[in-house]
mmCIF file of all heavy atoms, coordinates in Angstrom:
data_MODEL
# 
_entry.id   MODEL 
# 
loop_
_atom_site.group_PDB 
_atom_site.id 
_atom_site.type_symbol 
_atom_site.label_atom_id 
_atom_site.label_alt_id 
_atom_site.label_comp_id 
_atom_site.label_asym_id 
_atom_site.label_entity_id 
_atom_site.label_seq_id 
_atom_site.pdbx_PDB_ins_code 
_atom_site.Cartn_x 
_atom_site.Cartn_y 
_atom_site.Cartn_z 
_atom_site.occupancy 
_atom_site.B_iso_or_equiv 
_atom_site.pdbx_formal_charge 
_atom_site.auth_seq_id 
_atom_site.auth_comp_id 
_atom_site.auth_asym_id 
_atom_site.auth_atom_id 
_atom_site.pdbx_PDB_model_num 
ATOM 1   N N   . ALA A 1 1  ? 205.762 236.990 -77.045 1.00 0.00 ? 1  ALA A N   1 
ATOM 2   C CA  . ALA A 1 1  ? 206.396 236.392 -75.867 1.00 0.00 ? 1  ALA A CA  1 
ATOM 3   C C   . ALA A 1 1  ? 206.320 237.328 -74.671 1.00 0.00 ? 1  ALA A C   1 
ATOM 4   O O   . ALA A 1 1  ? 206.151 236.882 -73.527 1.00 0.00 ? 1  ALA A O   1 
ATOM 5   C CB  . ALA A 1 1  ? 207.852 236.045 -76.178 1.00 0.00 ? 1  ALA A CB  1 
ATOM 6   N N   . SER A 1 2  ? 206.422 238.625 -74.898 1.00 0.00 ? 2  SER A N   1 
ATOM 7   C CA  . SER A 1 2  ? 206.393 239.578 -73.788 1.00 0.00 ? 2  SER A CA  1 
ATOM 8   C C   . SER A 1 2  ? 205.024 239.631 -73.121 1.00 0.00 ? 2  SER A C   1 
ATOM 9   O O   . SER A 1 2  ? 204.908 240.031 -71.958 1.00 0.00 ? 2  SER A O   1 
ATOM 10  C CB  . SER A 1 2  ? 206.783 240.972 -74.287 1.00 0.00 ? 2  SER A CB  1 
ATOM 11  O OG  . SER A 1 2  ? 205.783 241.508 -75.143 1.00 0.00 ? 2  SER A OG  1 
ATOM 12  N N   . THR A 1 3  ? 203.978 239.218 -73.847 1.00 0.00 ? 3  THR A N   1 
ATOM 13  C CA  . THR A 1 3  ? 202.631 239.228 -73.266 1.00 0.00 ? 3  THR A CA  1 
ATOM 14  C C   . THR A 1 3  ? 202.147 237.843 -72.871 1.00 0.00 ? 3  THR A C   1 
ATOM 15  O O   . THR A 1 3  ? 201.058 237.716 -72.308 1.00 0.00 ? 3  THR A O   1 
ATOM 16  C CB  . THR A 1 3  ? 201.622 239.821 -74.274 1.00 0.00 ? 3  THR A CB  1 
ATOM 17  O OG1 . THR A 1 3  ? 201.609 239.034 -75.473 1.00 0.00 ? 3  THR A OG1 1 
ATOM 18  C CG2 . THR A 1 3  ? 201.989 241.256 -74.634 1.00 0.00 ? 3  THR A CG2 1 
ATOM 19  N N   . ALA A 1 4  ? 202.931 236.808 -73.171 1.00 0.00 ? 4  ALA A N   1 
ATOM 20  C CA  . ALA A 1 4  ? 202.631 235.430 -72.764 1.00 0.00 ? 4  ALA A CA  1 
ATOM 21  C C   . ALA A 1 4  ? 201.205 235.018 -73.126 1.00 0.00 ? 4  ALA A C   1 
ATOM 22  O O   . ALA A 1 4  ? 200.387 234.724 -72.253 1.00 0.00 ? 4  ALA A O   1 
ATOM 23  C CB  . ALA A 1 4  ? 202.860 235.261 -71.258 1.00 0.00 ? 4  ALA A CB  1 
ATOM 24  N N   . PRO A 1 5  ? 200.873 234.950 -74.425 1.00 0.00 ? 5  PRO A N   1 
ATOM 25  C CA  . PRO A 1 5  ? 199.484 234.666 -74.814 1.00 0.00 ? 5  PRO A CA  1 
ATOM 26  C C   . PRO A 1 5  ? 199.018 233.261 -74.479 1.00 0.00 ? 5  PRO A C   1 
ATOM 27  O O   . PRO A 1 5  ? 197.810 233.011 -74.432 1.00 0.00 ? 5  PRO A O   1 
ATOM 28  C CB  . PRO A 1 5  ? 199.506 234.888 -76.332 1.00 0.00 ? 5  PRO A CB  1 
ATOM 29  C CG  . PRO A 1 5  ? 200.925 234.613 -76.736 1.00 0.00 ? 5  PRO A CG  1 
ATOM 30  C CD  . PRO A 1 5  ? 201.749 235.121 -75.599 1.00 0.00 ? 5  PRO A CD  1 
ATOM 31  N N   . TYR A 1 6  ? 199.950 232.328 -74.250 1.00 0.00 ? 6  TYR A N   1 
ATOM 32  C CA  . TYR A 1 6  ? 199.558 230.963 -73.918 1.00 0.00 ? 6  TYR A CA  1 
ATOM 33  C C   . TYR A 1 6  ? 199.381 230.752 -72.414 1.00 0.00 ? 6  TYR A C   1 
ATOM 34  O O   . TYR A 1 6  ? 198.948 229.692 -71.981 1.00 0.00 ? 6  TYR A O   1 
ATOM 35  C CB  . TYR A 1 6  ? 200.588 229.962 -74.448 1.00 0.00 ? 6  TYR A CB  1 
ATOM 36  C CG  . TYR A 1 6  ? 200.652 229.889 -75.952 1.00 0.00 ? 6  TYR A CG  1 
ATOM 37  C CD1 . TYR A 1 6  ? 201.749 230.376 -76.646 1.00 0.00 ? 6  TYR A CD1 1 
ATOM 38  C CD2 . TYR A 1 6  ? 199.614 229.328 -76.686 1.00 0.00 ? 6  TYR A CD2 1 
ATOM 39  C CE1 . TYR A 1 6  ? 201.816 230.312 -78.030 1.00 0.00 ? 6  TYR A CE1 1 
ATOM 40  C CE2 . TYR A 1 6  ? 199.668 229.256 -78.066 1.00 0.00 ? 6  TYR A CE2 1 
ATOM 41  C CZ  . TYR A 1 6  ? 200.770 229.753 -78.741 1.00 0.00 ? 6  TYR A CZ  1 
ATOM 42  O OH  . TYR A 1 6  ? 200.827 229.691 -80.108 1.00 0.00 ? 6  TYR A OH  1 
ATOM 43  N N   . SER A 1 7  ? 199.739 231.750 -71.624 1.00 0.00 ? 7  SER A N   1 
ATOM 44  C CA  . SER A 1 7  ? 199.602 231.647 -70.178 1.00 0.00 ? 7  SER A CA  1 
ATOM 45  C C   . SER A 1 7  ? 198.262 232.222 -69.733 1.00 0.00 ? 7  SER A C   1 
ATOM 46  O O   . SER A 1 7  ? 197.574 232.904 -70.492 1.00 0.00 ? 7  SER A O   1 
ATOM 47  C CB  . SER A 1 7  ? 200.740 232.406 -69.483 1.00 0.00 ? 7  SER A CB  1 
ATOM 48  O OG  . SER A 1 7  ? 201.997 231.916 -69.887 1.00 0.00 ? 7  SER A OG  1 
ATOM 49  N N   . LYS A 1 8  ? 197.910 231.944 -68.489 1.00 0.00 ? 8  LYS A N   1 
ATOM 50  C CA  . LYS A 1 8  ? 196.686 232.512 -67.941 1.00 0.00 ? 8  LYS A CA  1 
ATOM 51  C C   . LYS A 1 8  ? 196.847 234.022 -67.823 1.00 0.00 ? 8  LYS A C   1 
ATOM 52  O O   . LYS A 1 8  ? 197.823 234.507 -67.239 1.00 0.00 ? 8  LYS A O   1 
ATOM 53  C CB  . LYS A 1 8  ? 196.388 231.910 -66.571 1.00 0.00 ? 8  LYS A CB  1 
ATOM 54  C CG  . LYS A 1 8  ? 195.083 232.398 -65.962 1.00 0.00 ? 8  LYS A CG  1 
ATOM 55  C CD  . LYS A 1 8  ? 194.815 231.738 -64.622 1.00 0.00 ? 8  LYS A CD  1 
ATOM 56  C CE  . LYS A 1 8  ? 193.502 232.236 -64.021 1.00 0.00 ? 8  LYS A CE  1 
ATOM 57  N NZ  . LYS A 1 8  ? 193.201 231.593 -62.730 1.00 0.00 ? 8  LYS A NZ  1 
ATOM 58  N N   . PRO A 1 9  ? 195.926 234.821 -68.391 1.00 0.00 ? 9  PRO A N   1 
ATOM 59  C CA  . PRO A 1 9  ? 196.078 236.281 -68.324 1.00 0.00 ? 9  PRO A CA  1 
ATOM 60  C C   . PRO A 1 9  ? 196.115 236.775 -66.888 1.00 0.00 ? 9  PRO A C   1 
ATOM 61  O O   . PRO A 1 9  ? 195.406 236.265 -66.018 1.00 0.00 ? 9  PRO A O   1 
ATOM 62  C CB  . PRO A 1 9  ? 194.826 236.790 -69.060 1.00 0.00 ? 9  PRO A CB  1 
ATOM 63  C CG  . PRO A 1 9  ? 194.387 235.660 -69.916 1.00 0.00 ? 9  PRO A CG  1 
ATOM 64  C CD  . PRO A 1 9  ? 194.730 234.419 -69.146 1.00 0.00 ? 9  PRO A CD  1 
ATOM 65  N N   . SER A 1 10 ? 196.955 237.774 -66.662 1.00 0.00 ? 10 SER A N   1 
ATOM 66  C CA  . SER A 1 10 ? 197.046 238.389 -65.351 1.00 0.00 ? 10 SER A CA  1 
ATOM 67  C C   . SER A 1 10 ? 197.389 239.858 -65.531 1.00 0.00 ? 10 SER A C   1 
ATOM 68  O O   . SER A 1 10 ? 198.006 240.228 -66.545 1.00 0.00 ? 10 SER A O   1 
ATOM 69  C CB  . SER A 1 10 ? 198.117 237.693 -64.498 1.00 0.00 ? 10 SER A CB  1 
ATOM 70  O OG  . SER A 1 10 ? 199.382 237.792 -65.117 1.00 0.00 ? 10 SER A OG  1 
ATOM 71  N N   . PRO A 1 11 ? 197.016 240.727 -64.593 1.00 0.00 ? 11 PRO A N   1 
ATOM 72  C CA  . PRO A 1 11 ? 197.347 242.150 -64.725 1.00 0.00 ? 11 PRO A CA  1 
ATOM 73  C C   . PRO A 1 11 ? 198.844 242.358 -64.890 1.00 0.00 ? 11 PRO A C   1 
ATOM 74  O O   . PRO A 1 11 ? 199.646 241.763 -64.173 1.00 0.00 ? 11 PRO A O   1 
ATOM 75  C CB  . PRO A 1 11 ? 196.838 242.740 -63.401 1.00 0.00 ? 11 PRO A CB  1 
ATOM 76  C CG  . PRO A 1 11 ? 195.748 241.811 -62.961 1.00 0.00 ? 11 PRO A CG  1 
ATOM 77  C CD  . PRO A 1 11 ? 196.206 240.444 -63.398 1.00 0.00 ? 11 PRO A CD  1 
ATOM 78  N N   . GLY A 1 12 ? 199.227 243.183 -65.863 1.00 0.00 ? 12 GLY A N   1 
ATOM 79  C CA  . GLY A 1 12 ? 200.636 243.416 -66.146 1.00 0.00 ? 12 GLY A CA  1 
ATOM 80  C C   . GLY A 1 12 ? 201.219 242.449 -67.146 1.00 0.00 ? 12 GLY A C   1 
ATOM 81  O O   . GLY A 1 12 ? 202.330 242.667 -67.635 1.00 0.00 ? 12 GLY A O   1 
ATOM 82  N N   . ARG A 1 13 ? 200.511 241.375 -67.451 1.00 0.00 ? 13 ARG A N   1 
ATOM 83  C CA  . ARG A 1 13 ? 200.975 240.413 -68.454 1.00 0.00 ? 13 ARG A CA  1 
ATOM 84  C C   . ARG A 1 13 ? 199.742 239.848 -69.151 1.00 0.00 ? 13 ARG A C   1 
ATOM 85  O O   . ARG A 1 13 ? 199.307 238.739 -68.872 1.00 0.00 ? 13 ARG A O   1 
ATOM 86  C CB  . ARG A 1 13 ? 201.794 239.299 -67.811 1.00 0.00 ? 13 ARG A CB  1 
ATOM 87  C CG  . ARG A 1 13 ? 202.622 238.515 -68.822 1.00 0.00 ? 13 ARG A CG  1 
ATOM 88  C CD  . ARG A 1 13 ? 203.325 237.359 -68.167 1.00 0.00 ? 13 ARG A CD  1 
ATOM 89  N NE  . ARG A 1 13 ? 202.379 236.337 -67.698 1.00 0.00 ? 13 ARG A NE  1 
ATOM 90  C CZ  . ARG A 1 13 ? 202.737 235.249 -67.003 1.00 0.00 ? 13 ARG A CZ  1 
ATOM 91  N NH1 . ARG A 1 13 ? 203.991 235.085 -66.666 1.00 0.00 ? 13 ARG A NH1 1 
ATOM 92  N NH2 . ARG A 1 13 ? 201.833 234.362 -66.641 1.00 0.00 ? 13 ARG A NH2 1 
ATOM 93  N N   . VAL A 1 14 ? 199.199 240.644 -70.033 1.00 0.00 ? 14 VAL A N   1 
ATOM 94  C CA  . VAL A 1 14 ? 197.953 240.260 -70.683 1.00 0.00 ? 14 VAL A CA  1 
ATOM 95  C C   . VAL A 1 14 ? 198.064 240.533 -72.173 1.00 0.00 ? 14 VAL A C   1 
ATOM 96  O O   . VAL A 1 14 ? 198.588 241.564 -72.601 1.00 0.00 ? 14 VAL A O   1 
ATOM 97  C CB  . VAL A 1 14 ? 196.745 241.017 -70.073 1.00 0.00 ? 14 VAL A CB  1 
ATOM 98  C CG1 . VAL A 1 14 ? 196.924 242.518 -70.199 1.00 0.00 ? 14 VAL A CG1 1 
ATOM 99  C CG2 . VAL A 1 14 ? 195.435 240.582 -70.729 1.00 0.00 ? 14 VAL A CG2 1 
ATOM 100 N N   . TYR A 1 15 ? 197.607 239.584 -72.956 1.00 0.00 ? 15 TYR A N   1 
ATOM 101 C CA  . TYR A 1 15 ? 197.524 239.771 -74.409 1.00 0.00 ? 15 TYR A CA  1 
ATOM 102 C C   . TYR A 1 15 ? 196.083 240.096 -74.775 1.00 0.00 ? 15 TYR A C   1 
ATOM 103 O O   . TYR A 1 15 ? 195.138 239.457 -74.290 1.00 0.00 ? 15 TYR A O   1 
ATOM 104 C CB  . TYR A 1 15 ? 197.963 238.512 -75.151 1.00 0.00 ? 15 TYR A CB  1 
ATOM 105 C CG  . TYR A 1 15 ? 197.767 238.628 -76.648 1.00 0.00 ? 15 TYR A CG  1 
ATOM 106 C CD1 . TYR A 1 15 ? 198.730 239.227 -77.444 1.00 0.00 ? 15 TYR A CD1 1 
ATOM 107 C CD2 . TYR A 1 15 ? 196.594 238.177 -77.253 1.00 0.00 ? 15 TYR A CD2 1 
ATOM 108 C CE1 . TYR A 1 15 ? 198.550 239.368 -78.811 1.00 0.00 ? 15 TYR A CE1 1 
ATOM 109 C CE2 . TYR A 1 15 ? 196.406 238.315 -78.621 1.00 0.00 ? 15 TYR A CE2 1 
ATOM 110 C CZ  . TYR A 1 15 ? 197.386 238.906 -79.400 1.00 0.00 ? 15 TYR A CZ  1 
ATOM 111 O OH  . TYR A 1 15 ? 197.197 239.051 -80.746 1.00 0.00 ? 15 TYR A OH  1 
ATOM 112 N N   . ALA A 1 16 ? 195.911 241.077 -75.637 1.00 0.00 ? 16 ALA A N   1 
ATOM 113 C CA  . ALA A 1 16 ? 194.585 241.404 -76.160 1.00 0.00 ? 16 ALA A CA  1 
ATOM 114 C C   . ALA A 1 16 ? 194.759 242.001 -77.545 1.00 0.00 ? 16 ALA A C   1 
ATOM 115 O O   . ALA A 1 16 ? 195.708 242.737 -77.795 1.00 0.00 ? 16 ALA A O   1 
ATOM 116 C CB  . ALA A 1 16 ? 193.848 242.384 -75.247 1.00 0.00 ? 16 ALA A CB  1 
ATOM 117 N N   . ASN A 1 17 ? 193.852 241.686 -78.443 1.00 0.00 ? 17 ASN A N   1 
ATOM 118 C CA  . ASN A 1 17 ? 193.946 242.165 -79.818 1.00 0.00 ? 17 ASN A CA  1 
ATOM 119 C C   . ASN A 1 17 ? 192.615 242.775 -80.225 1.00 0.00 ? 17 ASN A C   1 
ATOM 120 O O   . ASN A 1 17 ? 191.601 242.077 -80.335 1.00 0.00 ? 17 ASN A O   1 
ATOM 121 C CB  . ASN A 1 17 ? 194.312 241.008 -80.755 1.00 0.00 ? 17 ASN A CB  1 
ATOM 122 C CG  . ASN A 1 17 ? 194.697 241.495 -82.136 1.00 0.00 ? 17 ASN A CG  1 
ATOM 123 O OD1 . ASN A 1 17 ? 194.280 242.571 -82.565 1.00 0.00 ? 17 ASN A OD1 1 
ATOM 124 N ND2 . ASN A 1 17 ? 195.498 240.725 -82.829 1.00 0.00 ? 17 ASN A ND2 1 
ATOM 125 N N   . GLY A 1 18 ? 192.626 244.090 -80.442 1.00 0.00 ? 18 GLY A N   1 
ATOM 126 C CA  . GLY A 1 18 ? 191.411 244.797 -80.819 1.00 0.00 ? 18 GLY A CA  1 
ATOM 127 C C   . GLY A 1 18 ? 190.870 244.406 -82.173 1.00 0.00 ? 18 GLY A C   1 
ATOM 128 O O   . GLY A 1 18 ? 189.749 244.785 -82.521 1.00 0.00 ? 18 GLY A O   1 
ATOM 129 N N   . GLN A 1 19 ? 191.645 243.646 -82.943 1.00 0.00 ? 19 GLN A N   1 
ATOM 130 C CA  . GLN A 1 19 ? 191.155 243.169 -84.229 1.00 0.00 ? 19 GLN A CA  1 
ATOM 131 C C   . GLN A 1 19 ? 190.180 242.009 -84.064 1.00 0.00 ? 19 GLN A C   1 
ATOM 132 O O   . GLN A 1 19 ? 189.512 241.626 -85.022 1.00 0.00 ? 19 GLN A O   1 
ATOM 133 C CB  . GLN A 1 19 ? 192.333 242.738 -85.105 1.00 0.00 ? 19 GLN A CB  1 
ATOM 134 C CG  . GLN A 1 19 ? 193.223 243.904 -85.483 1.00 0.00 ? 19 GLN A CG  1 
ATOM 135 C CD  . GLN A 1 19 ? 194.600 243.459 -85.914 1.00 0.00 ? 19 GLN A CD  1 
ATOM 136 O OE1 . GLN A 1 19 ? 195.142 242.481 -85.399 1.00 0.00 ? 19 GLN A OE1 1 
ATOM 137 N NE2 . GLN A 1 19 ? 195.189 244.181 -86.847 1.00 0.00 ? 19 GLN A NE2 1 
ATOM 138 N N   . TYR A 1 20 ? 190.105 241.469 -82.839 1.00 0.00 ? 20 TYR A N   1 
ATOM 139 C CA  . TYR A 1 20 ? 189.174 240.369 -82.588 1.00 0.00 ? 20 TYR A CA  1 
ATOM 140 C C   . TYR A 1 20 ? 188.860 240.344 -81.092 1.00 0.00 ? 20 TYR A C   1 
ATOM 141 O O   . TYR A 1 20 ? 189.557 239.708 -80.309 1.00 0.00 ? 20 TYR A O   1 
ATOM 142 C CB  . TYR A 1 20 ? 189.788 239.031 -83.013 1.00 0.00 ? 20 TYR A CB  1 
ATOM 143 C CG  . TYR A 1 20 ? 188.765 237.935 -83.294 1.00 0.00 ? 20 TYR A CG  1 
ATOM 144 C CD1 . TYR A 1 20 ? 188.469 237.574 -84.599 1.00 0.00 ? 20 TYR A CD1 1 
ATOM 145 C CD2 . TYR A 1 20 ? 188.110 237.278 -82.251 1.00 0.00 ? 20 TYR A CD2 1 
ATOM 146 C CE1 . TYR A 1 20 ? 187.545 236.571 -84.873 1.00 0.00 ? 20 TYR A CE1 1 
ATOM 147 C CE2 . TYR A 1 20 ? 187.190 236.281 -82.505 1.00 0.00 ? 20 TYR A CE2 1 
ATOM 148 C CZ  . TYR A 1 20 ? 186.913 235.927 -83.822 1.00 0.00 ? 20 TYR A CZ  1 
ATOM 149 O OH  . TYR A 1 20 ? 185.986 234.939 -84.086 1.00 0.00 ? 20 TYR A OH  1 
ATOM 150 N N   . LEU A 1 21 ? 187.830 241.066 -80.689 1.00 0.00 ? 21 LEU A N   1 
ATOM 151 C CA  . LEU A 1 21 ? 187.367 241.096 -79.301 1.00 0.00 ? 21 LEU A CA  1 
ATOM 152 C C   . LEU A 1 21 ? 185.905 240.663 -79.269 1.00 0.00 ? 21 LEU A C   1 
ATOM 153 O O   . LEU A 1 21 ? 185.048 241.341 -79.852 1.00 0.00 ? 21 LEU A O   1 
ATOM 154 C CB  . LEU A 1 21 ? 187.501 242.490 -78.702 1.00 0.00 ? 21 LEU A CB  1 
ATOM 155 C CG  . LEU A 1 21 ? 188.896 242.995 -78.312 1.00 0.00 ? 21 LEU A CG  1 
ATOM 156 C CD1 . LEU A 1 21 ? 188.800 244.414 -77.773 1.00 0.00 ? 21 LEU A CD1 1 
ATOM 157 C CD2 . LEU A 1 21 ? 189.553 242.085 -77.289 1.00 0.00 ? 21 LEU A CD2 1 
ATOM 158 N N   . MET A 1 22 ? 185.639 239.551 -78.594 1.00 0.00 ? 22 MET A N   1 
ATOM 159 C CA  . MET A 1 22 ? 184.268 239.056 -78.480 1.00 0.00 ? 22 MET A CA  1 
ATOM 160 C C   . MET A 1 22 ? 183.795 239.189 -77.033 1.00 0.00 ? 22 MET A C   1 
ATOM 161 O O   . MET A 1 22 ? 184.344 238.562 -76.127 1.00 0.00 ? 22 MET A O   1 
ATOM 162 C CB  . MET A 1 22 ? 184.166 237.594 -78.934 1.00 0.00 ? 22 MET A CB  1 
ATOM 163 C CG  . MET A 1 22 ? 182.771 237.009 -78.767 1.00 0.00 ? 22 MET A CG  1 
ATOM 164 S SD  . MET A 1 22 ? 182.652 235.276 -79.288 1.00 0.00 ? 22 MET A SD  1 
ATOM 165 C CE  . MET A 1 22 ? 182.621 235.490 -81.073 1.00 0.00 ? 22 MET A CE  1 
ATOM 166 N N   . PHE A 1 23 ? 182.778 240.018 -76.821 1.00 0.00 ? 23 PHE A N   1 
ATOM 167 C CA  . PHE A 1 23 ? 182.191 240.239 -75.506 1.00 0.00 ? 23 PHE A CA  1 
ATOM 168 C C   . PHE A 1 23 ? 180.892 239.457 -75.373 1.00 0.00 ? 23 PHE A C   1 
ATOM 169 O O   . PHE A 1 23 ? 180.106 239.378 -76.329 1.00 0.00 ? 23 PHE A O   1 
ATOM 170 C CB  . PHE A 1 23 ? 181.854 241.716 -75.286 1.00 0.00 ? 23 PHE A CB  1 
ATOM 171 C CG  . PHE A 1 23 ? 183.033 242.638 -75.173 1.00 0.00 ? 23 PHE A CG  1 
ATOM 172 C CD1 . PHE A 1 23 ? 183.635 243.171 -76.308 1.00 0.00 ? 23 PHE A CD1 1 
ATOM 173 C CD2 . PHE A 1 23 ? 183.525 243.007 -73.935 1.00 0.00 ? 23 PHE A CD2 1 
ATOM 174 C CE1 . PHE A 1 23 ? 184.701 244.044 -76.206 1.00 0.00 ? 23 PHE A CE1 1 
ATOM 175 C CE2 . PHE A 1 23 ? 184.590 243.882 -73.817 1.00 0.00 ? 23 PHE A CE2 1 
ATOM 176 C CZ  . PHE A 1 23 ? 185.183 244.402 -74.956 1.00 0.00 ? 23 PHE A CZ  1 
ATOM 177 N N   . GLU A 1 24 ? 180.644 238.928 -74.187 1.00 0.00 ? 24 GLU A N   1 
ATOM 178 C CA  . GLU A 1 24 ? 179.306 238.450 -73.854 1.00 0.00 ? 24 GLU A CA  1 
ATOM 179 C C   . GLU A 1 24 ? 178.439 239.674 -73.626 1.00 0.00 ? 24 GLU A C   1 
ATOM 180 O O   . GLU A 1 24 ? 178.830 240.603 -72.918 1.00 0.00 ? 24 GLU A O   1 
ATOM 181 C CB  . GLU A 1 24 ? 179.366 237.571 -72.605 1.00 0.00 ? 24 GLU A CB  1 
ATOM 182 C CG  . GLU A 1 24 ? 178.138 236.717 -72.385 1.00 0.00 ? 24 GLU A CG  1 
ATOM 183 C CD  . GLU A 1 24 ? 177.038 237.479 -71.683 1.00 0.00 ? 24 GLU A CD  1 
ATOM 184 O OE1 . GLU A 1 24 ? 177.353 238.343 -70.835 1.00 0.00 ? 24 GLU A OE1 1 
ATOM 185 O OE2 . GLU A 1 24 ? 175.852 237.227 -71.981 1.00 0.00 ? 24 GLU A OE2 1 
ATOM 186 N N   . ARG A 1 25 ? 177.282 239.725 -74.236 1.00 0.00 ? 25 ARG A N   1 
ATOM 187 C CA  . ARG A 1 25 ? 176.473 240.934 -74.276 1.00 0.00 ? 25 ARG A CA  1 
ATOM 188 C C   . ARG A 1 25 ? 176.143 241.491 -72.885 1.00 0.00 ? 25 ARG A C   1 
ATOM 189 O O   . ARG A 1 25 ? 176.282 242.692 -72.631 1.00 0.00 ? 25 ARG A O   1 
ATOM 190 C CB  . ARG A 1 25 ? 175.178 240.658 -75.047 1.00 0.00 ? 25 ARG A CB  1 
ATOM 191 C CG  . ARG A 1 25 ? 174.222 241.841 -75.093 1.00 0.00 ? 25 ARG A CG  1 
ATOM 192 C CD  . ARG A 1 25 ? 172.899 241.463 -75.761 1.00 0.00 ? 25 ARG A CD  1 
ATOM 193 N NE  . ARG A 1 25 ? 171.997 242.581 -75.769 1.00 0.00 ? 25 ARG A NE  1 
ATOM 194 C CZ  . ARG A 1 25 ? 171.997 243.528 -76.696 1.00 0.00 ? 25 ARG A CZ  1 
ATOM 195 N NH1 . ARG A 1 25 ? 172.864 243.478 -77.696 1.00 0.00 ? 25 ARG A NH1 1 
ATOM 196 N NH2 . ARG A 1 25 ? 171.144 244.533 -76.638 1.00 0.00 ? 25 ARG A NH2 1 
ATOM 197 N N   . GLU A 1 26 ? 175.704 240.617 -71.977 1.00 0.00 ? 26 GLU A N   1 
ATOM 198 C CA  . GLU A 1 26 ? 175.307 241.088 -70.656 1.00 0.00 ? 26 GLU A CA  1 
ATOM 199 C C   . GLU A 1 26 ? 176.485 241.730 -69.928 1.00 0.00 ? 26 GLU A C   1 
ATOM 200 O O   . GLU A 1 26 ? 176.347 242.778 -69.286 1.00 0.00 ? 26 GLU A O   1 
ATOM 201 C CB  . GLU A 1 26 ? 174.741 239.929 -69.834 1.00 0.00 ? 26 GLU A CB  1 
ATOM 202 C CG  . GLU A 1 26 ? 174.241 240.349 -68.461 1.00 0.00 ? 26 GLU A CG  1 
ATOM 203 C CD  . GLU A 1 26 ? 173.635 239.187 -67.694 1.00 0.00 ? 26 GLU A CD  1 
ATOM 204 O OE1 . GLU A 1 26 ? 173.423 238.113 -68.298 1.00 0.00 ? 26 GLU A OE1 1 
ATOM 205 O OE2 . GLU A 1 26 ? 173.382 239.349 -66.479 1.00 0.00 ? 26 GLU A OE2 1 
ATOM 206 N N   . TYR A 1 27 ? 177.659 241.101 -70.045 1.00 0.00 ? 27 TYR A N   1 
ATOM 207 C CA  . TYR A 1 27 ? 178.841 241.695 -69.429 1.00 0.00 ? 27 TYR A CA  1 
ATOM 208 C C   . TYR A 1 27 ? 179.177 243.026 -70.089 1.00 0.00 ? 27 TYR A C   1 
ATOM 209 O O   . TYR A 1 27 ? 179.471 244.019 -69.409 1.00 0.00 ? 27 TYR A O   1 
ATOM 210 C CB  . TYR A 1 27 ? 180.034 240.743 -69.549 1.00 0.00 ? 27 TYR A CB  1 
ATOM 211 C CG  . TYR A 1 27 ? 181.350 241.437 -69.256 1.00 0.00 ? 27 TYR A CG  1 
ATOM 212 C CD1 . TYR A 1 27 ? 181.705 241.758 -67.957 1.00 0.00 ? 27 TYR A CD1 1 
ATOM 213 C CD2 . TYR A 1 27 ? 182.210 241.806 -70.293 1.00 0.00 ? 27 TYR A CD2 1 
ATOM 214 C CE1 . TYR A 1 27 ? 182.892 242.423 -67.683 1.00 0.00 ? 27 TYR A CE1 1 
ATOM 215 C CE2 . TYR A 1 27 ? 183.399 242.460 -70.029 1.00 0.00 ? 27 TYR A CE2 1 
ATOM 216 C CZ  . TYR A 1 27 ? 183.738 242.768 -68.725 1.00 0.00 ? 27 TYR A CZ  1 
ATOM 217 O OH  . TYR A 1 27 ? 184.902 243.434 -68.454 1.00 0.00 ? 27 TYR A OH  1 
ATOM 218 N N   . TYR A 1 28 ? 179.146 243.059 -71.406 1.00 0.00 ? 28 TYR A N   1 
ATOM 219 C CA  . TYR A 1 28 ? 179.505 244.286 -72.125 1.00 0.00 ? 28 TYR A CA  1 
ATOM 220 C C   . TYR A 1 28 ? 178.625 245.452 -71.697 1.00 0.00 ? 28 TYR A C   1 
ATOM 221 O O   . TYR A 1 28 ? 179.116 246.540 -71.386 1.00 0.00 ? 28 TYR A O   1 
ATOM 222 C CB  . TYR A 1 28 ? 179.388 244.062 -73.630 1.00 0.00 ? 28 TYR A CB  1 
ATOM 223 C CG  . TYR A 1 28 ? 179.718 245.295 -74.451 1.00 0.00 ? 28 TYR A CG  1 
ATOM 224 C CD1 . TYR A 1 28 ? 181.036 245.573 -74.821 1.00 0.00 ? 28 TYR A CD1 1 
ATOM 225 C CD2 . TYR A 1 28 ? 178.725 246.183 -74.845 1.00 0.00 ? 28 TYR A CD2 1 
ATOM 226 C CE1 . TYR A 1 28 ? 181.339 246.693 -75.570 1.00 0.00 ? 28 TYR A CE1 1 
ATOM 227 C CE2 . TYR A 1 28 ? 179.024 247.316 -75.580 1.00 0.00 ? 28 TYR A CE2 1 
ATOM 228 C CZ  . TYR A 1 28 ? 180.338 247.570 -75.939 1.00 0.00 ? 28 TYR A CZ  1 
ATOM 229 O OH  . TYR A 1 28 ? 180.641 248.699 -76.661 1.00 0.00 ? 28 TYR A OH  1 
# 
């Protein structure tokens, strides 16, 4: 709830989980 994972991500309120990070190759 403190990271609001169902909301649009924004700086200071972002959810991220290193157990599952998928990058688009060109961006990465």
